[in-house]
Amino acid sequence: MKKCGILNSELSSVISQLGHTDQIIICDAGLPIPDFVTRIDLAVVPGLPTFVEVLDAVLLEMQVEKVIYAQELQAAQPALLARLEETFEGVQRESVSHETFKQLSKDAKAIIRTGECTPYANIILQSGVTF
């Protein structure tokens, strides 16, 4: 049994296979997920697990060089946006329209669905390198 870190085997596997500039998405329960992108569905019931809980777990194991989120987040979820700006201080950040975000999701290695039921709680994490 794995001693620490992410216990979900699919999630742990995806993170371990990321190369430089590969992208994964952590999303709310409502984001459409393209059929051809790997879906890791962690949603149990509305609100469980939360977007922030999953993000914090992923960041224990993933080196992130860039994040992308929807511009609509600023109006819809200012507290979440502030949390993301604090979490990713020093990391390149980009905001795009929600429609563009959905288009970008087609290039993700995997999309991790949470039980989050608040609008625009979605983020693209671009893998960096540790050297």
N, C-alpha and C. Protein backbone atom coordinates (compact mmCIF):
# COMPACT_ATOMS: atom_id res chain seq x y z
N MET A 1 0.84 -1.19 0.00
CA MET A 1 0.00 0.00 0.00
C MET A 1 0.88 1.24 0.00
N LYS A 2 0.47 2.23 -0.76
CA LYS A 2 1.20 3.49 -0.81
C LYS A 2 1.13 4.16 0.57
N LYS A 3 2.25 4.69 1.02
CA LYS A 3 2.34 5.23 2.38
C LYS A 3 1.79 6.64 2.52
N CYS A 4 1.97 7.47 1.50
CA CYS A 4 1.51 8.85 1.61
C CYS A 4 1.24 9.40 0.21
N GLY A 5 0.69 10.61 0.17
CA GLY A 5 0.39 11.23 -1.10
C GLY A 5 -0.95 10.77 -1.62
N ILE A 6 -1.16 10.88 -2.90
CA ILE A 6 -2.43 10.55 -3.53
C ILE A 6 -2.62 9.03 -3.56
N LEU A 7 -3.74 8.58 -3.01
CA LEU A 7 -4.03 7.15 -2.97
C LEU A 7 -4.83 6.68 -4.19
N ASN A 8 -5.56 7.58 -4.84
CA ASN A 8 -6.34 7.20 -6.02
C ASN A 8 -5.36 6.78 -7.12
N SER A 9 -5.46 5.52 -7.54
CA SER A 9 -4.46 4.98 -8.47
C SER A 9 -4.48 5.67 -9.83
N GLU A 10 -5.67 5.99 -10.34
CA GLU A 10 -5.74 6.67 -11.64
C GLU A 10 -5.09 8.05 -11.59
N LEU A 11 -5.41 8.79 -10.54
CA LEU A 11 -4.87 10.14 -10.39
C LEU A 11 -3.36 10.11 -10.19
N SER A 12 -2.89 9.22 -9.34
CA SER A 12 -1.46 9.10 -9.10
C SER A 12 -0.72 8.72 -10.38
N SER A 13 -1.31 7.82 -11.15
CA SER A 13 -0.70 7.38 -12.41
C SER A 13 -0.59 8.52 -13.41
N VAL A 14 -1.67 9.28 -13.57
CA VAL A 14 -1.65 10.39 -14.53
C VAL A 14 -0.58 11.40 -14.16
N ILE A 15 -0.49 11.76 -12.90
CA ILE A 15 0.50 12.75 -12.47
C ILE A 15 1.91 12.23 -12.72
N SER A 16 2.15 10.95 -12.43
CA SER A 16 3.49 10.40 -12.60
C SER A 16 3.91 10.32 -14.06
N GLN A 17 2.95 10.32 -14.98
CA GLN A 17 3.25 10.21 -16.40
C GLN A 17 3.36 11.56 -17.12
N LEU A 18 3.12 12.66 -16.40
CA LEU A 18 3.17 13.98 -17.04
C LEU A 18 4.59 14.36 -17.44
N GLY A 19 4.72 14.93 -18.61
CA GLY A 19 5.96 15.50 -19.07
C GLY A 19 5.84 17.02 -19.08
N HIS A 20 6.95 17.68 -19.37
CA HIS A 20 6.97 19.14 -19.41
C HIS A 20 5.94 19.66 -20.40
N THR A 21 5.12 20.58 -19.96
CA THR A 21 4.04 21.27 -20.68
C THR A 21 2.75 20.44 -20.85
N ASP A 22 2.75 19.18 -20.40
CA ASP A 22 1.49 18.43 -20.42
C ASP A 22 0.51 19.13 -19.48
N GLN A 23 -0.78 18.97 -19.77
CA GLN A 23 -1.79 19.65 -18.97
C GLN A 23 -2.84 18.68 -18.45
N ILE A 24 -3.29 18.95 -17.21
CA ILE A 24 -4.45 18.27 -16.65
C ILE A 24 -5.42 19.35 -16.19
N ILE A 25 -6.66 18.96 -16.00
CA ILE A 25 -7.70 19.89 -15.55
C ILE A 25 -8.34 19.34 -14.30
N ILE A 26 -8.55 20.22 -13.33
CA ILE A 26 -9.40 19.91 -12.19
C ILE A 26 -10.66 20.72 -12.40
N CYS A 27 -11.82 20.05 -12.37
CA CYS A 27 -13.05 20.76 -12.72
C CYS A 27 -14.18 20.51 -11.71
N ASP A 28 -15.18 21.37 -11.83
CA ASP A 28 -16.40 21.21 -11.04
C ASP A 28 -17.23 20.07 -11.64
N ALA A 29 -18.35 19.79 -11.01
CA ALA A 29 -19.18 18.66 -11.45
C ALA A 29 -19.86 18.88 -12.79
N GLY A 30 -19.89 20.14 -13.28
CA GLY A 30 -20.65 20.42 -14.49
C GLY A 30 -19.86 20.63 -15.76
N LEU A 31 -18.54 20.70 -15.70
CA LEU A 31 -17.77 20.96 -16.91
C LEU A 31 -17.94 19.81 -17.90
N PRO A 32 -18.27 20.10 -19.17
CA PRO A 32 -18.34 19.02 -20.15
C PRO A 32 -16.95 18.44 -20.40
N ILE A 33 -16.88 17.14 -20.44
CA ILE A 33 -15.60 16.45 -20.63
C ILE A 33 -15.64 15.73 -21.97
N PRO A 34 -14.72 16.07 -22.88
CA PRO A 34 -14.71 15.40 -24.18
C PRO A 34 -14.55 13.88 -24.01
N ASP A 35 -15.23 13.13 -24.85
CA ASP A 35 -15.22 11.66 -24.75
C ASP A 35 -13.83 11.06 -24.87
N PHE A 36 -12.95 11.71 -25.60
CA PHE A 36 -11.63 11.14 -25.88
C PHE A 36 -10.56 11.53 -24.86
N VAL A 37 -10.91 12.36 -23.87
CA VAL A 37 -9.96 12.75 -22.82
C VAL A 37 -10.20 11.85 -21.61
N THR A 38 -9.12 11.39 -21.00
CA THR A 38 -9.24 10.55 -19.81
C THR A 38 -9.99 11.29 -18.71
N ARG A 39 -11.03 10.66 -18.19
CA ARG A 39 -11.85 11.22 -17.12
C ARG A 39 -11.52 10.47 -15.83
N ILE A 40 -11.13 11.24 -14.81
CA ILE A 40 -10.94 10.68 -13.48
C ILE A 40 -12.05 11.31 -12.63
N ASP A 41 -13.08 10.54 -12.37
CA ASP A 41 -14.27 11.05 -11.71
C ASP A 41 -14.19 10.77 -10.22
N LEU A 42 -13.91 11.82 -9.45
CA LEU A 42 -13.82 11.69 -8.00
C LEU A 42 -15.11 12.12 -7.31
N ALA A 43 -16.08 12.67 -8.07
CA ALA A 43 -17.32 13.17 -7.49
C ALA A 43 -18.08 12.04 -6.79
N VAL A 44 -18.53 12.32 -5.55
CA VAL A 44 -19.30 11.35 -4.79
C VAL A 44 -20.74 11.84 -4.66
N VAL A 45 -20.89 13.02 -4.11
CA VAL A 45 -22.17 13.72 -3.98
C VAL A 45 -21.87 15.19 -4.18
N PRO A 46 -22.89 16.02 -4.41
CA PRO A 46 -22.60 17.45 -4.57
C PRO A 46 -21.77 17.99 -3.40
N GLY A 47 -20.65 18.60 -3.76
CA GLY A 47 -19.76 19.19 -2.76
C GLY A 47 -18.68 18.28 -2.23
N LEU A 48 -18.65 17.02 -2.64
CA LEU A 48 -17.66 16.08 -2.12
C LEU A 48 -17.01 15.31 -3.25
N PRO A 49 -15.70 15.37 -3.41
CA PRO A 49 -14.79 16.30 -2.73
C PRO A 49 -14.88 17.69 -3.36
N THR A 50 -14.37 18.66 -2.65
CA THR A 50 -14.38 20.02 -3.17
C THR A 50 -13.25 20.22 -4.17
N PHE A 51 -13.40 21.25 -4.96
CA PHE A 51 -12.36 21.65 -5.91
C PHE A 51 -11.05 21.91 -5.18
N VAL A 52 -11.10 22.66 -4.09
CA VAL A 52 -9.88 23.04 -3.36
C VAL A 52 -9.21 21.82 -2.73
N GLU A 53 -10.00 20.89 -2.20
CA GLU A 53 -9.41 19.68 -1.62
C GLU A 53 -8.62 18.89 -2.66
N VAL A 54 -9.20 18.74 -3.84
CA VAL A 54 -8.53 17.99 -4.90
C VAL A 54 -7.31 18.76 -5.40
N LEU A 55 -7.44 20.06 -5.58
CA LEU A 55 -6.31 20.88 -6.01
C LEU A 55 -5.15 20.75 -5.02
N ASP A 56 -5.43 20.88 -3.75
CA ASP A 56 -4.37 20.78 -2.74
C ASP A 56 -3.67 19.42 -2.79
N ALA A 57 -4.44 18.35 -2.99
CA ALA A 57 -3.85 17.01 -3.08
C ALA A 57 -2.96 16.89 -4.32
N VAL A 58 -3.43 17.36 -5.45
CA VAL A 58 -2.64 17.28 -6.69
C VAL A 58 -1.35 18.08 -6.55
N LEU A 59 -1.41 19.23 -5.91
CA LEU A 59 -0.21 20.06 -5.78
C LEU A 59 0.85 19.46 -4.86
N LEU A 60 0.48 18.47 -4.07
CA LEU A 60 1.48 17.75 -3.27
C LEU A 60 2.45 16.99 -4.17
N GLU A 61 1.99 16.61 -5.36
CA GLU A 61 2.78 15.74 -6.22
C GLU A 61 3.14 16.33 -7.58
N MET A 62 2.49 17.41 -7.97
CA MET A 62 2.70 17.93 -9.33
C MET A 62 3.43 19.26 -9.32
N GLN A 63 4.44 19.37 -10.18
CA GLN A 63 5.15 20.62 -10.41
C GLN A 63 4.38 21.41 -11.47
N VAL A 64 3.92 22.60 -11.11
CA VAL A 64 3.10 23.40 -12.02
C VAL A 64 3.87 24.64 -12.45
N GLU A 65 3.90 24.88 -13.77
CA GLU A 65 4.58 26.07 -14.28
C GLU A 65 3.61 27.13 -14.79
N LYS A 66 2.36 26.70 -15.05
CA LYS A 66 1.36 27.64 -15.59
C LYS A 66 -0.03 27.14 -15.22
N VAL A 67 -0.93 28.10 -14.96
CA VAL A 67 -2.33 27.76 -14.73
C VAL A 67 -3.21 28.62 -15.63
N ILE A 68 -4.34 28.04 -16.01
CA ILE A 68 -5.31 28.74 -16.83
C ILE A 68 -6.68 28.54 -16.19
N TYR A 69 -7.42 29.63 -16.07
CA TYR A 69 -8.77 29.56 -15.54
C TYR A 69 -9.65 30.54 -16.31
N ALA A 70 -10.97 30.43 -16.09
CA ALA A 70 -11.93 31.25 -16.83
C ALA A 70 -11.98 32.67 -16.29
N GLN A 71 -12.08 33.64 -17.18
CA GLN A 71 -12.22 35.04 -16.80
C GLN A 71 -13.46 35.25 -15.93
N GLU A 72 -14.49 34.48 -16.16
CA GLU A 72 -15.75 34.59 -15.42
C GLU A 72 -15.58 34.29 -13.93
N LEU A 73 -14.50 33.65 -13.57
CA LEU A 73 -14.23 33.33 -12.17
C LEU A 73 -14.16 34.59 -11.31
N GLN A 74 -13.64 35.66 -11.86
CA GLN A 74 -13.48 36.90 -11.09
C GLN A 74 -14.82 37.41 -10.57
N ALA A 75 -15.85 37.43 -11.39
CA ALA A 75 -17.16 37.92 -10.96
C ALA A 75 -17.92 36.86 -10.16
N ALA A 76 -17.80 35.60 -10.55
CA ALA A 76 -18.60 34.54 -9.94
C ALA A 76 -18.03 34.02 -8.62
N GLN A 77 -16.72 34.00 -8.51
CA GLN A 77 -16.06 33.39 -7.35
C GLN A 77 -14.83 34.19 -6.92
N PRO A 78 -15.00 35.43 -6.46
CA PRO A 78 -13.82 36.24 -6.11
C PRO A 78 -12.96 35.63 -5.01
N ALA A 79 -13.57 34.94 -4.05
CA ALA A 79 -12.78 34.31 -2.98
C ALA A 79 -11.93 33.17 -3.53
N LEU A 80 -12.48 32.39 -4.44
CA LEU A 80 -11.71 31.31 -5.05
C LEU A 80 -10.59 31.87 -5.90
N LEU A 81 -10.86 32.93 -6.65
CA LEU A 81 -9.82 33.55 -7.46
C LEU A 81 -8.68 34.05 -6.57
N ALA A 82 -9.01 34.67 -5.45
CA ALA A 82 -7.97 35.14 -4.52
C ALA A 82 -7.15 33.97 -4.00
N ARG A 83 -7.81 32.84 -3.71
CA ARG A 83 -7.10 31.65 -3.23
C ARG A 83 -6.16 31.12 -4.29
N LEU A 84 -6.61 31.12 -5.55
CA LEU A 84 -5.75 30.64 -6.64
C LEU A 84 -4.56 31.57 -6.85
N GLU A 85 -4.79 32.87 -6.79
CA GLU A 85 -3.69 33.82 -6.96
C GLU A 85 -2.66 33.66 -5.84
N GLU A 86 -3.10 33.38 -4.64
CA GLU A 86 -2.18 33.15 -3.53
C GLU A 86 -1.43 31.83 -3.71
N THR A 87 -2.17 30.80 -4.05
CA THR A 87 -1.57 29.47 -4.23
C THR A 87 -0.53 29.47 -5.35
N PHE A 88 -0.82 30.20 -6.42
CA PHE A 88 0.05 30.18 -7.59
C PHE A 88 0.87 31.46 -7.74
N GLU A 89 1.18 32.09 -6.64
CA GLU A 89 2.07 33.26 -6.67
C GLU A 89 3.41 32.82 -7.27
N GLY A 90 3.89 33.56 -8.23
CA GLY A 90 5.15 33.22 -8.89
C GLY A 90 5.00 32.25 -10.04
N VAL A 91 3.79 31.76 -10.27
CA VAL A 91 3.51 30.84 -11.38
C VAL A 91 2.79 31.64 -12.46
N GLN A 92 3.11 31.37 -13.71
CA GLN A 92 2.43 32.06 -14.80
C GLN A 92 0.94 31.75 -14.74
N ARG A 93 0.11 32.80 -14.81
CA ARG A 93 -1.34 32.65 -14.76
C ARG A 93 -1.95 33.29 -16.00
N GLU A 94 -2.99 32.63 -16.52
CA GLU A 94 -3.68 33.15 -17.69
C GLU A 94 -5.18 32.96 -17.48
N SER A 95 -5.96 33.96 -17.87
CA SER A 95 -7.41 33.79 -17.83
C SER A 95 -7.95 33.91 -19.25
N VAL A 96 -8.89 33.05 -19.55
CA VAL A 96 -9.51 32.99 -20.88
C VAL A 96 -11.02 32.91 -20.68
N SER A 97 -11.78 33.14 -21.72
CA SER A 97 -13.22 32.99 -21.61
C SER A 97 -13.55 31.53 -21.28
N HIS A 98 -14.71 31.33 -20.67
CA HIS A 98 -15.13 29.96 -20.34
C HIS A 98 -15.26 29.11 -21.61
N GLU A 99 -15.73 29.72 -22.68
CA GLU A 99 -15.85 28.99 -23.95
C GLU A 99 -14.47 28.55 -24.45
N THR A 100 -13.48 29.44 -24.36
CA THR A 100 -12.11 29.07 -24.75
C THR A 100 -11.58 27.98 -23.83
N PHE A 101 -11.86 28.09 -22.54
CA PHE A 101 -11.43 27.07 -21.57
C PHE A 101 -11.94 25.70 -22.01
N LYS A 102 -13.21 25.63 -22.38
CA LYS A 102 -13.78 24.35 -22.81
C LYS A 102 -13.08 23.82 -24.06
N GLN A 103 -12.70 24.72 -24.97
CA GLN A 103 -11.97 24.29 -26.16
C GLN A 103 -10.58 23.75 -25.79
N LEU A 104 -9.93 24.42 -24.84
CA LEU A 104 -8.60 23.98 -24.39
C LEU A 104 -8.65 22.61 -23.71
N SER A 105 -9.80 22.28 -23.14
CA SER A 105 -9.91 21.00 -22.42
C SER A 105 -9.68 19.81 -23.34
N LYS A 106 -9.83 19.99 -24.63
CA LYS A 106 -9.62 18.91 -25.58
C LYS A 106 -8.17 18.45 -25.64
N ASP A 107 -7.25 19.31 -25.18
CA ASP A 107 -5.82 18.98 -25.24
C ASP A 107 -5.28 18.42 -23.92
N ALA A 108 -6.12 18.30 -22.92
CA ALA A 108 -5.67 17.82 -21.61
C ALA A 108 -5.35 16.32 -21.64
N LYS A 109 -4.37 15.93 -20.85
CA LYS A 109 -4.06 14.51 -20.70
C LYS A 109 -5.15 13.82 -19.89
N ALA A 110 -5.74 14.56 -18.93
CA ALA A 110 -6.82 14.01 -18.11
C ALA A 110 -7.62 15.16 -17.52
N ILE A 111 -8.88 14.88 -17.23
CA ILE A 111 -9.74 15.84 -16.54
C ILE A 111 -10.24 15.16 -15.27
N ILE A 112 -9.99 15.83 -14.16
CA ILE A 112 -10.35 15.30 -12.85
C ILE A 112 -11.62 16.00 -12.39
N ARG A 113 -12.71 15.25 -12.30
CA ARG A 113 -14.01 15.81 -11.94
C ARG A 113 -14.21 15.71 -10.43
N THR A 114 -14.50 16.85 -9.83
CA THR A 114 -14.78 16.90 -8.39
C THR A 114 -16.29 16.96 -8.18
N GLY A 115 -16.69 17.02 -6.92
CA GLY A 115 -18.09 17.19 -6.60
C GLY A 115 -18.48 18.64 -6.45
N GLU A 116 -17.56 19.54 -6.78
CA GLU A 116 -17.79 20.98 -6.62
C GLU A 116 -18.99 21.43 -7.45
N CYS A 117 -19.87 22.19 -6.83
CA CYS A 117 -21.08 22.67 -7.52
C CYS A 117 -21.18 24.19 -7.47
N THR A 118 -20.06 24.85 -7.65
CA THR A 118 -20.05 26.31 -7.78
C THR A 118 -19.52 26.65 -9.16
N PRO A 119 -20.03 27.73 -9.77
CA PRO A 119 -19.67 28.04 -11.15
C PRO A 119 -18.19 28.37 -11.35
N TYR A 120 -17.67 27.88 -12.45
CA TYR A 120 -16.32 28.21 -12.94
C TYR A 120 -15.20 27.71 -12.03
N ALA A 121 -15.45 26.72 -11.20
CA ALA A 121 -14.39 26.14 -10.35
C ALA A 121 -13.64 25.10 -11.19
N ASN A 122 -12.85 25.61 -12.12
CA ASN A 122 -12.11 24.79 -13.07
C ASN A 122 -10.73 25.42 -13.26
N ILE A 123 -9.72 24.56 -13.42
CA ILE A 123 -8.37 25.09 -13.66
C ILE A 123 -7.59 24.10 -14.52
N ILE A 124 -6.81 24.65 -15.42
CA ILE A 124 -5.85 23.87 -16.19
C ILE A 124 -4.50 24.03 -15.51
N LEU A 125 -3.86 22.91 -15.21
CA LEU A 125 -2.53 22.91 -14.62
C LEU A 125 -1.55 22.42 -15.67
N GLN A 126 -0.56 23.23 -15.98
CA GLN A 126 0.47 22.84 -16.95
C GLN A 126 1.69 22.38 -16.19
N SER A 127 2.16 21.21 -16.53
CA SER A 127 3.28 20.60 -15.83
C SER A 127 4.60 21.32 -16.12
N GLY A 128 5.35 21.54 -15.06
CA GLY A 128 6.69 22.08 -15.19
C GLY A 128 7.72 20.98 -14.93
N VAL A 129 8.94 21.38 -14.74
CA VAL A 129 10.00 20.43 -14.41
C VAL A 129 10.61 20.85 -13.07
N THR A 130 11.21 19.87 -12.40
CA THR A 130 11.79 20.16 -11.08
C THR A 130 13.29 20.46 -11.16
N PHE A 131 13.81 20.56 -12.35
CA PHE A 131 15.24 20.87 -12.49
C PHE A 131 15.44 22.06 -13.39
